[in-house]
C-alpha atoms as a PDB file:
ATOM      1  CA  GLU A   1      -0.021   0.107  -0.193  1.00  0.00           C
ATOM      2  CA  ILE A   2       1.339   3.650  -0.753  1.00  0.00           C
ATOM      3  CA  ASN A   3       1.354   6.383   1.880  1.00  0.00           C
ATOM      4  CA  PRO A   4       0.173   9.641  -0.570  1.00  0.00           C
ATOM      5  CA  LYS A   5       1.415  11.828   2.482  1.00  0.00           C
ATOM      6  CA  MET A   6       4.873   9.925   2.937  1.00  0.00           C
ATOM      7  CA  ASP A   7       5.488  10.475  -0.972  1.00  0.00           C
ATOM      8  CA  LEU A   8       4.435  14.047  -0.876  1.00  0.00           C
ATOM      9  CA  LYS A   9       6.864  14.499   2.380  1.00  0.00           C
ATOM     10  CA  GLN A  10       9.871  12.149   0.489  1.00  0.00           C
ATOM     11  CA  ASN A  11       9.358  14.529  -2.567  1.00  0.00           C
ATOM     12  CA  THR A  12       9.299  18.055  -0.479  1.00  0.00           C
ATOM     13  CA  ASP A  13      12.308  16.922   1.166  1.00  0.00           C
ATOM     14  CA  ASN A  14      13.915  16.207  -2.048  1.00  0.00           C
ATOM     15  CA  SER A  15      12.896  19.485  -3.627  1.00  0.00           C
ATOM     16  CA  SER A  16      14.113  21.430  -0.972  1.00  0.00           C
ATOM     17  CA  SER A  17      17.664  19.377  -0.827  1.00  0.00           C
ATOM     18  CA  GLY A  18      18.094  20.567  -4.552  1.00  0.00           C
ATOM     19  CA  LYS A  19      17.023  23.735  -4.211  1.00  0.00           C
ATOM     20  CA  LYS A  20      19.824  24.310  -1.015  1.00  0.00           C
ATOM     21  CA  LYS A  21      22.145  22.578  -3.273  1.00  0.00           C
ATOM     22  CA  SER A  22      21.998  25.108  -6.390  1.00  0.00           C
ATOM     23  CA  LYS A  23      21.565  27.428  -4.319  1.00  0.00           C
ATOM     24  CA  LYS A  24      24.877  26.947  -2.512  1.00  0.00           C
ATOM     25  CA  ASN A  25      26.491  26.425  -6.011  1.00  0.00           C
ATOM     26  CA  SER A  26      25.414  29.116  -6.658  1.00  0.00           C
ATOM     27  CA  ILE A  27      27.060  31.319  -4.236  1.00  0.00           C
ATOM     28  CA  ILE A  28      29.779  29.391  -4.654  1.00  0.00           C
ATOM     29  CA  GLY A  29      30.026  30.645  -8.007  1.00  0.00           C
ATOM     30  CA  TYR A  30      29.871  34.593  -7.587  1.00  0.00           C
ATOM     31  CA  ILE A  31      32.236  34.014  -5.231  1.00  0.00           C
ATOM     32  CA  VAL A  32      34.562  32.886  -7.292  1.00  0.00           C
ATOM     33  CA  SER A  33      33.976  35.354  -9.718  1.00  0.00           C
ATOM     34  CA  ILE A  34      33.941  38.334  -8.072  1.00  0.00           C
ATOM     35  CA  LEU A  35      37.080  37.343  -6.473  1.00  0.00           C
ATOM     36  CA  CYS A  36      38.949  36.887 -10.079  1.00  0.00           C
ATOM     37  CA  LEU A  37      37.339  40.289 -10.877  1.00  0.00           C
ATOM     38  CA  LEU A  38      39.156  41.523  -8.160  1.00  0.00           C
ATOM     39  CA  LEU A  39      42.233  40.350  -8.999  1.00  0.00           C
ATOM     40  CA  CYS A  40      42.224  41.223 -12.378  1.00  0.00           C
ATOM     41  CA  LEU A  41      41.672  44.706 -10.923  1.00  0.00           C
ATOM     42  CA  TYR A  42      44.418  44.457  -8.518  1.00  0.00           C
ATOM     43  CA  ILE A  43      46.593  43.187 -11.200  1.00  0.00           C
ATOM     44  CA  THR A  44      45.605  46.036 -13.185  1.00  0.00           C
ATOM     45  CA  VAL A  45      45.719  48.907 -10.910  1.00  0.00           C
ATOM     46  CA  GLU A  46      49.538  47.489  -9.510  1.00  0.00           C
ATOM     47  CA  VAL A  47      50.164  47.617 -13.584  1.00  0.00           C
ATOM     48  CA  ILE A  48      49.138  50.755 -13.850  1.00  0.00           C
ATOM     49  CA  ASN A  49      51.176  52.246 -10.371  1.00  0.00           C
ATOM     50  CA  ALA A  50      54.300  50.473 -11.621  1.00  0.00           C
ATOM     51  CA  ASN A  51      54.189  51.435 -15.327  1.00  0.00           C
ATOM     52  CA  ASN A  52      54.046  55.311 -13.718  1.00  0.00           C
ATOM     53  CA  HIS A  53      56.427  55.402 -10.852  1.00  0.00           C
ATOM     54  CA  ASN A  54      58.599  53.305 -13.793  1.00  0.00           C
ATOM     55  CA  ARG A  55      59.130  49.960 -11.169  1.00  0.00           C
ATOM     56  CA  PRO A  56      58.424  46.401 -11.868  1.00  0.00           C
ATOM     57  CA  PRO A  57      54.713  45.760 -10.682  1.00  0.00           C
ATOM     58  CA  LYS A  58      54.777  43.548  -7.685  1.00  0.00           C
ATOM     59  CA  ILE A  59      52.055  41.031  -7.459  1.00  0.00           C
ATOM     60  CA  PHE A  60      50.863  39.639  -4.028  1.00  0.00           C
ATOM     61  CA  ASN A  61      54.772  40.579  -2.976  1.00  0.00           C
ATOM     62  CA  LEU A  62      56.158  38.701  -6.549  1.00  0.00           C
ATOM     63  CA  SER A  63      57.733  39.775  -9.342  1.00  0.00           C
ATOM     64  CA  VAL A  64      58.662  38.683 -12.322  1.00  0.00           C
ATOM     65  CA  SER A  65      61.491  40.638 -14.759  1.00  0.00           C
ATOM     66  CA  TYR A  66      63.771  40.477 -17.655  1.00  0.00           C
ATOM     67  CA  VAL A  67      67.266  40.746 -17.296  1.00  0.00           C
ATOM     68  CA  PRO A  68      69.312  41.886 -20.044  1.00  0.00           C
ATOM     69  CA  THR A  69      72.957  41.847 -18.791  1.00  0.00           C
ATOM     70  CA  SER A  70      75.124  38.938 -17.722  1.00  0.00           C
ATOM     71  CA  SER A  71      76.810  40.633 -15.370  1.00  0.00           C
ATOM     72  CA  MET A  72      74.874  37.679 -12.850  1.00  0.00           C
ATOM     73  CA  GLU A  73      76.564  34.857 -14.938  1.00  0.00           C
ATOM     74  CA  PRO A  74      76.810  31.972 -14.385  1.00  0.00           C
ATOM     75  CA  THR A  75      73.978  31.882 -11.473  1.00  0.00           C
ATOM     76  CA  ILE A  76      71.928  34.245 -14.011  1.00  0.00           C
ATOM     77  CA  PHE A  77      72.250  34.301 -17.855  1.00  0.00           C
ATOM     78  CA  ALA A  78      71.792  37.301 -20.181  1.00  0.00           C
ATOM     79  CA  GLY A  79      67.717  36.772 -21.675  1.00  0.00           C
ATOM     80  CA  ASP A  80      66.698  34.591 -18.573  1.00  0.00           C
ATOM     81  CA  TYR A  81      63.210  35.602 -16.724  1.00  0.00           C
ATOM     82  CA  ILE A  82      63.770  35.893 -12.925  1.00  0.00           C
ATOM     83  CA  LEU A  83      61.201  35.976  -9.864  1.00  0.00           C
ATOM     84  CA  PHE A  84      61.486  37.766  -7.028  1.00  0.00           C
ATOM     85  CA  LYS A  85      60.124  38.534  -3.639  1.00  0.00           C
ATOM     86  CA  GLY A  86      60.023  41.839  -1.856  1.00  0.00           C
ATOM     87  CA  THR A  87      62.369  42.180   0.443  1.00  0.00           C
ATOM     88  CA  LYS A  88      63.854  44.404   3.779  1.00  0.00           C
ATOM     89  CA  TYR A  89      67.008  45.897   3.943  1.00  0.00           C
ATOM     90  CA  SER A  90      67.099  44.489   7.780  1.00  0.00           C
ATOM     91  CA  ASP A  91      66.558  40.966   6.165  1.00  0.00           C
ATOM     92  CA  VAL A  92      69.468  40.751   3.510  1.00  0.00           C
ATOM     93  CA  ASN A  93      71.929  38.579   3.948  1.00  0.00           C
ATOM     94  CA  THR A  94      75.436  39.501   2.891  1.00  0.00           C
ATOM     95  CA  GLY A  95      77.728  36.586   3.232  1.00  0.00           C
ATOM     96  CA  SER A  96      79.404  34.363   5.229  1.00  0.00           C
ATOM     97  CA  TYR A  97      82.831  35.850   5.123  1.00  0.00           C
ATOM     98  CA  ASP A  98      84.610  38.971   6.226  1.00  0.00           C
ATOM     99  CA  THR A  99      85.368  39.854   3.133  1.00  0.00           C
ATOM    100  CA  PRO A 100      83.241  41.134   0.252  1.00  0.00           C
ATOM    101  CA  GLU A 101      86.259  39.768  -2.092  1.00  0.00           C
ATOM    102  CA  ASP A 102      85.969  36.369  -0.549  1.00  0.00           C
ATOM    103  CA  ASN A 103      81.664  36.720  -0.804  1.00  0.00           C
ATOM    104  CA  HIS A 104      82.419  37.391  -4.141  1.00  0.00           C
ATOM    105  CA  LYS A 105      84.870  34.493  -4.515  1.00  0.00           C
ATOM    106  CA  TYR A 106      82.270  31.792  -3.123  1.00  0.00           C
ATOM    107  CA  GLN A 107      79.169  33.554  -4.121  1.00  0.00           C
ATOM    108  CA  SER A 108      78.106  34.027  -0.553  1.00  0.00           C
ATOM    109  CA  GLY A 109      75.558  36.164   0.136  1.00  0.00           C
ATOM    110  CA  ASP A 110      71.883  37.425  -0.710  1.00  0.00           C
ATOM    111  CA  ILE A 111      71.179  38.331  -4.751  1.00  0.00           C
ATOM    112  CA  ILE A 112      68.653  41.653  -3.953  1.00  0.00           C
ATOM    113  CA  VAL A 113      67.072  43.515  -7.054  1.00  0.00           C
ATOM    114  CA  PHE A 114      67.890  47.875  -6.283  1.00  0.00           C
ATOM    115  CA  TYR A 115      67.423  50.704  -7.736  1.00  0.00           C
ATOM    116  CA  SER A 116      70.439  52.361  -9.083  1.00  0.00           C
ATOM    117  CA  ASN A 117      70.365  56.081  -8.288  1.00  0.00           C
ATOM    118  CA  GLU A 118      73.609  56.619 -11.095  1.00  0.00           C
ATOM    119  CA  GLU A 119      72.425  54.371 -13.455  1.00  0.00           C
ATOM    120  CA  ASP A 120      68.626  55.395 -13.120  1.00  0.00           C
ATOM    121  CA  LYS A 121      67.793  51.788 -13.244  1.00  0.00           C
ATOM    122  CA  PHE A 122      67.283  48.318 -11.169  1.00  0.00           C
ATOM    123  CA  ILE A 123      69.807  46.081 -10.890  1.00  0.00           C
ATOM    124  CA  ILE A 124      70.155  42.769  -9.800  1.00  0.00           C
ATOM    125  CA  HIS A 125      73.653  41.966  -8.275  1.00  0.00           C
ATOM    126  CA  ARG A 126      74.460  40.204  -5.173  1.00  0.00           C
ATOM    127  CA  ALA A 127      75.053  41.351  -1.211  1.00  0.00           C
ATOM    128  CA  VAL A 128      78.926  40.459  -0.437  1.00  0.00           C
ATOM    129  CA  GLY A 129      79.421  42.854   2.585  1.00  0.00           C
ATOM    130  CA  LYS A 130      78.524  46.174   4.008  1.00  0.00           C
ATOM    131  CA  GLY A 131      80.038  49.620   4.870  1.00  0.00           C
ATOM    132  CA  ILE A 132      79.859  52.669   6.553  1.00  0.00           C
ATOM    133  CA  ASP A 133      79.734  56.030   4.193  1.00  0.00           C
ATOM    134  CA  GLU A 134      81.141  59.762   5.054  1.00  0.00           C
ATOM    135  CA  SER A 135      77.689  60.355   7.279  1.00  0.00           C
ATOM    136  CA  GLY A 136      78.082  57.279   9.523  1.00  0.00           C
ATOM    137  CA  ASN A 137      75.369  55.847   7.782  1.00  0.00           C
ATOM    138  CA  GLU A 138      75.366  52.455   6.689  1.00  0.00           C
ATOM    139  CA  TYR A 139      74.915  50.739   3.344  1.00  0.00           C
ATOM    140  CA  ILE A 140      75.528  47.428   1.380  1.00  0.00           C
ATOM    141  CA  ILE A 141      78.215  46.999  -0.648  1.00  0.00           C
ATOM    142  CA  THR A 142      77.208  44.483  -4.400  1.00  0.00           C
ATOM    143  CA  TRP A 143      78.897  42.799  -6.918  1.00  0.00           C
ATOM    144  CA  GLY A 144      77.386  40.712  -9.863  1.00  0.00           C
ATOM    145  CA  ASP A 145      79.358  37.552 -10.197  1.00  0.00           C
ATOM    146  CA  ASN A 146      80.643  37.892 -13.280  1.00  0.00           C
ATOM    147  CA  ASN A 147      82.185  41.711 -12.987  1.00  0.00           C
ATOM    148  CA  SER A 148      85.722  42.428 -11.745  1.00  0.00           C
ATOM    149  CA  THR A 149      85.202  44.895  -9.348  1.00  0.00           C
ATOM    150  CA  ALA A 150      82.477  45.602  -7.108  1.00  0.00           C
ATOM    151  CA  ASP A 151      79.533  48.227  -7.787  1.00  0.00           C
ATOM    152  CA  THR A 152      80.503  51.869  -6.756  1.00  0.00           C
ATOM    153  CA  GLU A 153      76.979  52.656  -5.693  1.00  0.00           C
ATOM    154  CA  GLY A 154      76.344  51.023  -1.635  1.00  0.00           C
ATOM    155  CA  VAL A 155      72.858  50.314  -1.553  1.00  0.00           C
ATOM    156  CA  THR A 156      70.934  52.119   0.705  1.00  0.00           C
ATOM    157  CA  SER A 157      67.579  50.715   2.748  1.00  0.00           C
ATOM    158  CA  LYS A 158      65.359  53.202   0.441  1.00  0.00           C
ATOM    159  CA  MET A 159      66.573  51.102  -2.561  1.00  0.00           C
ATOM    160  CA  VAL A 160      66.371  47.794  -1.993  1.00  0.00           C
ATOM    161  CA  TYR A 161      63.278  46.530  -3.925  1.00  0.00           C
ATOM    162  CA  GLY A 162      63.637  42.270  -3.854  1.00  0.00           C
ATOM    163  CA  GLU A 163      65.114  39.160  -3.117  1.00  0.00           C
ATOM    164  CA  TYR A 164      65.802  36.951  -6.152  1.00  0.00           C
ATOM    165  CA  VAL A 165      63.822  33.437  -5.686  1.00  0.00           C
ATOM    166  CA  THR A 166      64.529  31.570  -8.766  1.00  0.00           C
ATOM    167  CA  THR A 167      64.843  31.739 -12.479  1.00  0.00           C
ATOM    168  CA  LEU A 168      61.912  30.943 -14.800  1.00  0.00           C
ATOM    169  CA  GLY A 169      63.058  29.190 -17.574  1.00  0.00           C
ATOM    170  CA  LEU A 170      59.609  29.001 -18.958  1.00  0.00           C
ATOM    171  CA  LEU A 171      59.270  32.123 -20.186  1.00  0.00           C
ATOM    172  CA  SER A 172      63.213  31.807 -21.380  1.00  0.00           C
ATOM    173  CA  ILE A 173      61.175  32.212 -24.781  1.00  0.00           C
ATOM    174  CA  PHE A 174      60.439  35.241 -25.226  1.00  0.00           C
ATOM    175  CA  SER A 175      63.890  36.472 -25.719  1.00  0.00           C
ATOM    176  CA  GLY A 176      64.680  40.102 -26.029  1.00  0.00           C
ATOM    177  CA  GLY A 177      62.354  40.871 -22.860  1.00  0.00           C
ATOM    178  CA  ILE A 178      58.247  41.703 -22.909  1.00  0.00           C
ATOM    179  CA  ASN A 179      57.267  45.411 -23.456  1.00  0.00           C
ATOM    180  CA  LYS A 180      56.069  46.714 -20.314  1.00  0.00           C
ATOM    181  CA  ASN A 181      53.183  48.307 -22.481  1.00  0.00           C
ATOM    182  CA  VAL A 182      52.549  44.762 -24.388  1.00  0.00           C
ATOM    183  CA  ILE A 183      51.819  43.634 -20.654  1.00  0.00           C
ATOM    184  CA  PHE A 184      49.798  46.238 -19.626  1.00  0.00           C
ATOM    185  CA  PHE A 185      47.524  46.134 -22.636  1.00  0.00           C
ATOM    186  CA  ILE A 186      47.261  42.366 -21.985  1.00  0.00           C
ATOM    187  CA  LEU A 187      45.823  42.568 -18.117  1.00  0.00           C
ATOM    188  CA  VAL A 188      43.934  44.950 -19.538  1.00  0.00           C
ATOM    189  CA  VAL A 189      42.097  42.922 -21.964  1.00  0.00           C
ATOM    190  CA  MET A 190      41.826  40.414 -19.690  1.00  0.00           C
ATOM    191  CA  PHE A 191      39.916  42.977 -17.096  1.00  0.00           C
ATOM    192  CA  ILE A 192      37.375  43.532 -19.665  1.00  0.00           C
ATOM    193  CA  ILE A 193      37.296  39.806 -20.707  1.00  0.00           C
ATOM    194  CA  MET A 194      36.382  39.312 -17.118  1.00  0.00           C
ATOM    195  CA  ILE A 195      34.179  41.971 -16.468  1.00  0.00           C
ATOM    196  CA  GLY A 196      32.737  41.168 -19.599  1.00  0.00           C
ATOM    197  CA  MET A 197      32.008  37.431 -18.270  1.00  0.00           C
ATOM    198  CA  GLN A 198      30.376  38.467 -15.696  1.00  0.00           C
ATOM    199  CA  VAL A 199      27.351  40.159 -17.000  1.00  0.00           C
ATOM    200  CA  PHE A 200      27.279  37.282 -19.580  1.00  0.00           C
ATOM    201  CA  GLN A 201      27.055  34.808 -16.105  1.00  0.00           C
ATOM    202  CA  LEU A 202      24.282  37.485 -14.357  1.00  0.00           C
ATOM    203  CA  SER A 203      22.315  37.976 -17.471  1.00  0.00           C
ATOM    204  CA  LEU A 204      22.465  34.486 -17.614  1.00  0.00           C
ATOM    205  CA  SER A 205      21.418  33.873 -14.209  1.00  0.00           C
ATOM    206  CA  ALA A 206      18.693  36.166 -14.882  1.00  0.00           C
ATOM    207  CA  LYS A 207      17.163  34.322 -17.731  1.00  0.00           C
ATOM    208  CA  ALA A 208      17.616  30.923 -15.764  1.00  0.00           C
ATOM    209  CA  LYS A 209      16.016  32.742 -12.492  1.00  0.00           C
ATOM    210  CA  LYS A 210      12.569  34.096 -14.634  1.00  0.00           C
ATOM    211  CA  VAL A 211      12.489  30.658 -16.266  1.00  0.00           C
ATOM    212  CA  LYS A 212      12.834  29.261 -13.497  1.00  0.00           C
ATOM    213  CA  GLU A 213       9.838  31.362 -11.575  1.00  0.00           C
ATOM    214  CA  ASP A 214       7.053  31.497 -14.700  1.00  0.00           C
ATOM    215  CA  ARG A 215       7.801  27.755 -14.914  1.00  0.00           C
ATOM    216  CA  LYS A 216       7.572  27.089 -10.988  1.00  0.00           C
ATOM    217  CA  LYS A 217       4.488  29.927 -11.951  1.00  0.00           C
ATOM    218  CA  GLU A 218       2.283  27.864 -14.253  1.00  0.00           C
ATOM    219  CA  GLU A 219       3.396  24.210 -12.134  1.00  0.00           C
ATOM    220  CA  ASP A 220       1.621  26.299  -9.661  1.00  0.00           C
ATOM    221  CA  LYS A 221      -1.435  26.729 -11.464  1.00  0.00           C
ATOM    222  CA  PHE A 222      -1.777  23.642 -13.484  1.00  0.00           C
ATOM    223  CA  LYS A 223      -1.235  22.355  -9.705  1.00  0.00           C
ATOM    224  CA  GLU A 224      -4.724  24.655  -8.580  1.00  0.00           C
ATOM    225  CA  GLU A 225      -6.660  24.084 -11.549  1.00  0.00           C
ATOM    226  CA  LEU A 226      -5.826  19.646 -11.126  1.00  0.00           C
ATOM    227  CA  LYS A 227      -6.589  20.057  -7.496  1.00  0.00           C
ATOM    228  CA  LEU A 228     -10.158  22.291  -8.502  1.00  0.00           C
ATOM    229  CA  GLN A 229     -10.593  20.006 -10.784  1.00  0.00           C
ATOM    230  CA  ILE A 230     -10.508  16.896  -8.299  1.00  0.00           C
ATOM    231  CA  MET A 231     -12.513  18.727  -5.640  1.00  0.00           C
ATOM    232  CA  LYS A 232     -15.313  19.379  -8.061  1.00  0.00           C
ATOM    233  CA  GLU A 233     -15.218  15.584  -9.717  1.00  0.00           C
ATOM    234  CA  GLU A 234     -15.517  14.544  -5.672  1.00  0.00           C
ATOM    235  CA  LEU A 235     -17.910  17.184  -4.929  1.00  0.00           C
ATOM    236  CA  GLU A 236     -19.949  15.647  -8.430  1.00  0.00           C
ATOM    237  CA  ARG A 237     -19.517  12.153  -6.463  1.00  0.00           C
ATOM    238  CA  ILE A 238     -20.929  13.019  -3.314  1.00  0.00           C
ATOM    239  CA  LYS A 239     -24.155  14.842  -4.581  1.00  0.00           C
ATOM    240  CA  GLU A 240     -24.033  11.379  -6.835  1.00  0.00           C
ATOM    241  CA  TYR A 241     -23.949   8.991  -3.630  1.00  0.00           C
ATOM    242  CA  ASN A 242     -25.865  11.016  -1.834  1.00  0.00           C
ATOM    243  CA  ALA A 243     -29.016  11.439  -4.625  1.00  0.00           C
ATOM    244  CA  LYS A 244     -28.354   7.142  -4.868  1.00  0.00           C
ATOM    245  CA  LYS A 245     -28.269   7.353  -0.957  1.00  0.00           C
ATOM    246  CA  ALA A 246     -31.772   9.587  -0.991  1.00  0.00           C
ATOM    247  CA  LEU A 247     -33.336   7.393  -3.797  1.00  0.00           C
ATOM    248  CA  GLU A 248     -32.680   4.076  -1.704  1.00  0.00           C
ATOM    249  CA  GLU A 249     -34.200   5.314   1.152  1.00  0.00           C
ATOM    250  CA  ASN A 250     -37.161   6.319  -0.249  1.00  0.00           C
ATOM    251  CA  ASN A 251     -37.838   3.146  -2.053  1.00  0.00           C
ATOM    252  CA  THR A 252     -37.626   1.123   1.504  1.00  0.00           C
ATOM    253  CA  GLU A 253     -39.911   3.974   2.568  1.00  0.00           C
ATOM    254  CA  ASN A 254     -42.136   3.334   0.417  1.00  0.00           C
ATOM    255  CA  GLU A 255     -41.726  -0.524   0.603  1.00  0.00           C
ATOM    256  CA  ASN A 256     -41.878  -0.563   4.069  1.00  0.00           C
ATOM    257  CA  ASP A 257     -45.833   1.531   3.596  1.00  0.00           C
ATOM    258  CA  SER A 258     -47.076  -0.653   1.209  1.00  0.00           C
ATOM    259  CA  SER A 259     -46.272  -4.247   3.539  1.00  0.00           C
ATOM    260  CA  ASN A 260     -47.978  -2.053   6.684  1.00  0.00           C
ATOM    261  CA  ASP A 261     -51.040  -1.755   4.102  1.00  0.00           C
ATOM    262  CA  GLU A 262     -51.611  -5.834   3.210  1.00  0.00           C
ATOM    263  CA  PRO A 263     -52.641  -7.439   7.078  1.00  0.00           C
ATOM    264  CA  LYS A 264     -54.984  -4.544   7.674  1.00  0.00           C
ATOM    265  CA  THR A 265     -56.935  -5.537   4.111  1.00  0.00           C
ATOM    266  CA  LEU A 266     -57.166  -9.800   4.822  1.00  0.00           C
ATOM    267  CA  LYS A 267     -57.939  -8.643   8.214  1.00  0.00           C
ATOM    268  CA  THR A 268     -60.789  -6.828   7.509  1.00  0.00           C
ATOM    269  CA  VAL A 269     -61.776  -9.352   4.971  1.00  0.00           C
ATOM    270  CA  ASP A 270     -61.998 -11.856   7.683  1.00  0.00           C
ATOM    271  CA  ASN A 271     -63.933  -9.759   9.717  1.00  0.00           C
ATOM    272  CA  LYS A 272     -66.666  -9.969   7.577  1.00  0.00           C
ATOM    273  CA  THR A 273     -66.400 -14.053   6.580  1.00  0.00           C
ATOM    274  CA  ASN A 274     -66.922 -14.360  10.279  1.00  0.00           C
ATOM    275  CA  ASP A 275     -69.823 -12.077  10.501  1.00  0.00           C
ATOM    276  CA  ASN A 276     -71.218 -14.151   7.477  1.00  0.00           C
ATOM    277  CA  ILE A 277     -70.932 -17.245   9.131  1.00  0.00           C
ATOM    278  CA  GLU A 278     -72.586 -16.001  12.372  1.00  0.00           C
END
């Protein structure tokens, strides 16, 4: 035997579970899309800011840069792309040996990216020691692994920009470097595409929601009409049943009345017959 109430409850539970799962997936999709959009916006703003200040852009404290010279060979070759991270002056290791010459010889010390005021550009060299200038200020001594002498310019805390992490061999296919304007253009295009995708997704979601609502309205209307039809048919059956029952009761009453009248007639006849005999 099937219990309609239990089936209805089970269908309702399944429908409710499906709606919750669909809503959860939709929320996750919106969050992921918004995060991607914010990431693209963050990258674009950072690239614009870096371009205005003539520095390599940093994304989450990481940066990629092209090395055009051979001053750091064989550690870093000309044409390599490097990954470096942001660092502080106080965190720079200037080598394990007492003199810059020994640190240079044994390649001891962090490789840092710094801005050279003399050459007006960013340079990547090894930190091999520290010195004190005429004003008593401390600075870092740098030296290219492939150079015969140390750099003449001392690196102060304001000049330190990053610390070398690794060489990105996969990007070596872009020989000669990538123009920063091209990178900026690509990022702007990506940003526009991301916005377009987000708008398109929202539009599709709105249409799907409207279709779902219209379908639900039609289903509700159909259910209501079906319910009314069932109620109407049930009322007709009740009326027919009541009419049939009333007819049967009426026939039964008529039969009872007829059977009650017959004995009285016979009794009258019998009395008359007795009178005649006497």
